[in-house]
Amino acid sequence: MIKTIGLLTRKDGWTHEQFMKHWVEVHAPLAHAVPGLRRYVQNHIRGERTRADIPATAVEIDGIAHDAVADDQIAGRLLGVAKDHDFAEGILRA
């Protein structure tokens, strides 16, 4: 089994809210439709948690995705979903 974790950032010009809406309403259904997907989890970033004893980082992410697939071929299909909506629709029909 192949597992991946992705730190996701929004497109230039998008708000966090626009990113979240697109990720939940467009990408999640496409990912779930990939044959052979064993697990898909979205971790939504709601704000930065800070502690006085730990400095803040300059990394800005909008979400964290976890997935698990059976093999490299399925991993490639899932990557296509993440990168390109039109490509994703094509591979889901394949």
C-alpha atoms as a PDB file:
ATOM      1  CA  MET A   1       0.000   0.000   0.000  1.00  0.00           C
ATOM      2  CA  ILE A   2       1.197   3.511  -0.836  1.00  0.00           C
ATOM      3  CA  LYS A   3       0.344   6.327   1.559  1.00  0.00           C
ATOM      4  CA  THR A   4       0.857  10.020   0.936  1.00  0.00           C
ATOM      5  CA  ILE A   5       0.467  13.195   2.927  1.00  0.00           C
ATOM      6  CA  GLY A   6       0.159  16.518   1.133  1.00  0.00           C
ATOM      7  CA  LEU A   7       0.418  20.051   2.479  1.00  0.00           C
ATOM      8  CA  LEU A   8      -1.963  22.074   0.329  1.00  0.00           C
ATOM      9  CA  THR A   9      -1.981  25.763  -0.505  1.00  0.00           C
ATOM     10  CA  ARG A  10      -4.560  27.781  -2.380  1.00  0.00           C
ATOM     11  CA  LYS A  11      -4.122  29.277  -5.829  1.00  0.00           C
ATOM     12  CA  ASP A  12      -2.925  32.861  -6.076  1.00  0.00           C
ATOM     13  CA  GLY A  13      -5.860  35.207  -5.670  1.00  0.00           C
ATOM     14  CA  TRP A  14      -8.064  32.677  -3.837  1.00  0.00           C
ATOM     15  CA  THR A  15      -9.229  33.128  -0.284  1.00  0.00           C
ATOM     16  CA  HIS A  16      -8.971  30.302   2.227  1.00  0.00           C
ATOM     17  CA  GLU A  17     -12.763  29.984   2.041  1.00  0.00           C
ATOM     18  CA  GLN A  18     -12.700  29.616  -1.758  1.00  0.00           C
ATOM     19  CA  PHE A  19      -9.995  26.968  -1.469  1.00  0.00           C
ATOM     20  CA  MET A  20     -11.972  25.018   1.142  1.00  0.00           C
ATOM     21  CA  LYS A  21     -15.180  25.110  -0.896  1.00  0.00           C
ATOM     22  CA  HIS A  22     -13.371  23.839  -4.004  1.00  0.00           C
ATOM     23  CA  TRP A  23     -11.457  21.178  -2.091  1.00  0.00           C
ATOM     24  CA  VAL A  24     -14.563  19.834  -0.356  1.00  0.00           C
ATOM     25  CA  GLU A  25     -17.072  20.157  -3.189  1.00  0.00           C
ATOM     26  CA  VAL A  26     -14.897  19.357  -6.247  1.00  0.00           C
ATOM     27  CA  HIS A  27     -11.762  17.437  -5.274  1.00  0.00           C
ATOM     28  CA  ALA A  28     -13.197  15.193  -2.574  1.00  0.00           C
ATOM     29  CA  PRO A  29     -15.851  13.623  -4.836  1.00  0.00           C
ATOM     30  CA  LEU A  30     -13.276  13.163  -7.623  1.00  0.00           C
ATOM     31  CA  ALA A  31     -10.796  11.536  -5.246  1.00  0.00           C
ATOM     32  CA  HIS A  32     -13.428   9.208  -3.815  1.00  0.00           C
ATOM     33  CA  ALA A  33     -14.329   8.099  -7.348  1.00  0.00           C
ATOM     34  CA  VAL A  34     -10.783   6.894  -8.149  1.00  0.00           C
ATOM     35  CA  PRO A  35     -10.943   3.088  -8.318  1.00  0.00           C
ATOM     36  CA  GLY A  36      -8.588   1.501  -5.797  1.00  0.00           C
ATOM     37  CA  LEU A  37      -8.540   4.404  -3.349  1.00  0.00           C
ATOM     38  CA  ARG A  38      -8.379   2.846   0.094  1.00  0.00           C
ATOM     39  CA  ARG A  39      -8.421   5.979   2.243  1.00  0.00           C
ATOM     40  CA  TYR A  40      -8.841   9.726   1.716  1.00  0.00           C
ATOM     41  CA  VAL A  41      -8.836  12.223   4.570  1.00  0.00           C
ATOM     42  CA  GLN A  42      -9.000  16.012   4.467  1.00  0.00           C
ATOM     43  CA  ASN A  43      -7.632  17.915   7.464  1.00  0.00           C
ATOM     44  CA  HIS A  44      -8.999  21.437   7.430  1.00  0.00           C
ATOM     45  CA  ILE A  45      -6.892  24.303   8.772  1.00  0.00           C
ATOM     46  CA  ARG A  46      -9.092  26.666  10.756  1.00  0.00           C
ATOM     47  CA  GLY A  47      -6.410  28.951  12.164  1.00  0.00           C
ATOM     48  CA  GLU A  48      -2.938  29.038  13.605  1.00  0.00           C
ATOM     49  CA  ARG A  49      -2.447  27.687  17.096  1.00  0.00           C
ATOM     50  CA  THR A  50       0.367  29.404  18.895  1.00  0.00           C
ATOM     51  CA  ARG A  51       2.364  28.779  22.053  1.00  0.00           C
ATOM     52  CA  ALA A  52       4.617  31.270  23.781  1.00  0.00           C
ATOM     53  CA  ASP A  53       7.499  28.764  23.907  1.00  0.00           C
ATOM     54  CA  ILE A  54       7.383  27.790  20.200  1.00  0.00           C
ATOM     55  CA  PRO A  55       8.054  30.381  17.474  1.00  0.00           C
ATOM     56  CA  ALA A  56       5.578  30.640  14.603  1.00  0.00           C
ATOM     57  CA  THR A  57       6.636  29.243  11.229  1.00  0.00           C
ATOM     58  CA  ALA A  58       6.485  30.989   7.883  1.00  0.00           C
ATOM     59  CA  VAL A  59       4.717  28.018   6.283  1.00  0.00           C
ATOM     60  CA  GLU A  60       1.206  28.881   5.156  1.00  0.00           C
ATOM     61  CA  ILE A  61      -0.995  25.911   4.311  1.00  0.00           C
ATOM     62  CA  ASP A  62      -4.732  25.648   3.799  1.00  0.00           C
ATOM     63  CA  GLY A  63      -5.160  21.931   4.340  1.00  0.00           C
ATOM     64  CA  ILE A  64      -3.509  18.559   4.748  1.00  0.00           C
ATOM     65  CA  ALA A  65      -4.582  15.581   2.636  1.00  0.00           C
ATOM     66  CA  HIS A  66      -3.904  11.942   3.541  1.00  0.00           C
ATOM     67  CA  ASP A  67      -4.555   9.095   1.144  1.00  0.00           C
ATOM     68  CA  ALA A  68      -3.774   5.427   0.719  1.00  0.00           C
ATOM     69  CA  VAL A  69      -3.848   3.434  -2.515  1.00  0.00           C
ATOM     70  CA  ALA A  70      -2.967  -0.102  -3.531  1.00  0.00           C
ATOM     71  CA  ASP A  71      -0.284   0.586  -6.156  1.00  0.00           C
ATOM     72  CA  ASP A  72       1.663   3.111  -8.259  1.00  0.00           C
ATOM     73  CA  GLN A  73      -0.922   3.180 -11.047  1.00  0.00           C
ATOM     74  CA  ILE A  74      -3.683   4.224  -8.670  1.00  0.00           C
ATOM     75  CA  ALA A  75      -1.350   6.740  -7.009  1.00  0.00           C
ATOM     76  CA  GLY A  76      -0.802   8.315 -10.441  1.00  0.00           C
ATOM     77  CA  ARG A  77      -4.541   8.575 -11.013  1.00  0.00           C
ATOM     78  CA  LEU A  78      -5.044  10.236  -7.649  1.00  0.00           C
ATOM     79  CA  LEU A  79      -2.225  12.685  -8.379  1.00  0.00           C
ATOM     80  CA  GLY A  80      -4.025  13.582 -11.599  1.00  0.00           C
ATOM     81  CA  VAL A  81      -7.138  14.443  -9.576  1.00  0.00           C
ATOM     82  CA  ALA A  82      -5.104  16.767  -7.403  1.00  0.00           C
ATOM     83  CA  LYS A  83      -3.400  18.518 -10.311  1.00  0.00           C
ATOM     84  CA  ASP A  84      -5.988  18.911 -13.014  1.00  0.00           C
ATOM     85  CA  HIS A  85      -9.769  18.714 -12.932  1.00  0.00           C
ATOM     86  CA  ASP A  86     -10.122  17.927 -16.679  1.00  0.00           C
ATOM     87  CA  PHE A  87      -7.441  15.210 -16.500  1.00  0.00           C
ATOM     88  CA  ALA A  88      -9.160  13.776 -13.439  1.00  0.00           C
ATOM     89  CA  GLU A  89     -12.481  13.450 -15.232  1.00  0.00           C
ATOM     90  CA  GLY A  90     -10.707  11.638 -18.078  1.00  0.00           C
ATOM     91  CA  ILE A  91      -8.995   9.059 -15.907  1.00  0.00           C
ATOM     92  CA  LEU A  92     -12.146   8.393 -13.927  1.00  0.00           C
ATOM     93  CA  ARG A  93     -13.846   7.445 -17.197  1.00  0.00           C
ATOM     94  CA  ALA A  94     -10.911   5.176 -18.183  1.00  0.00           C
END
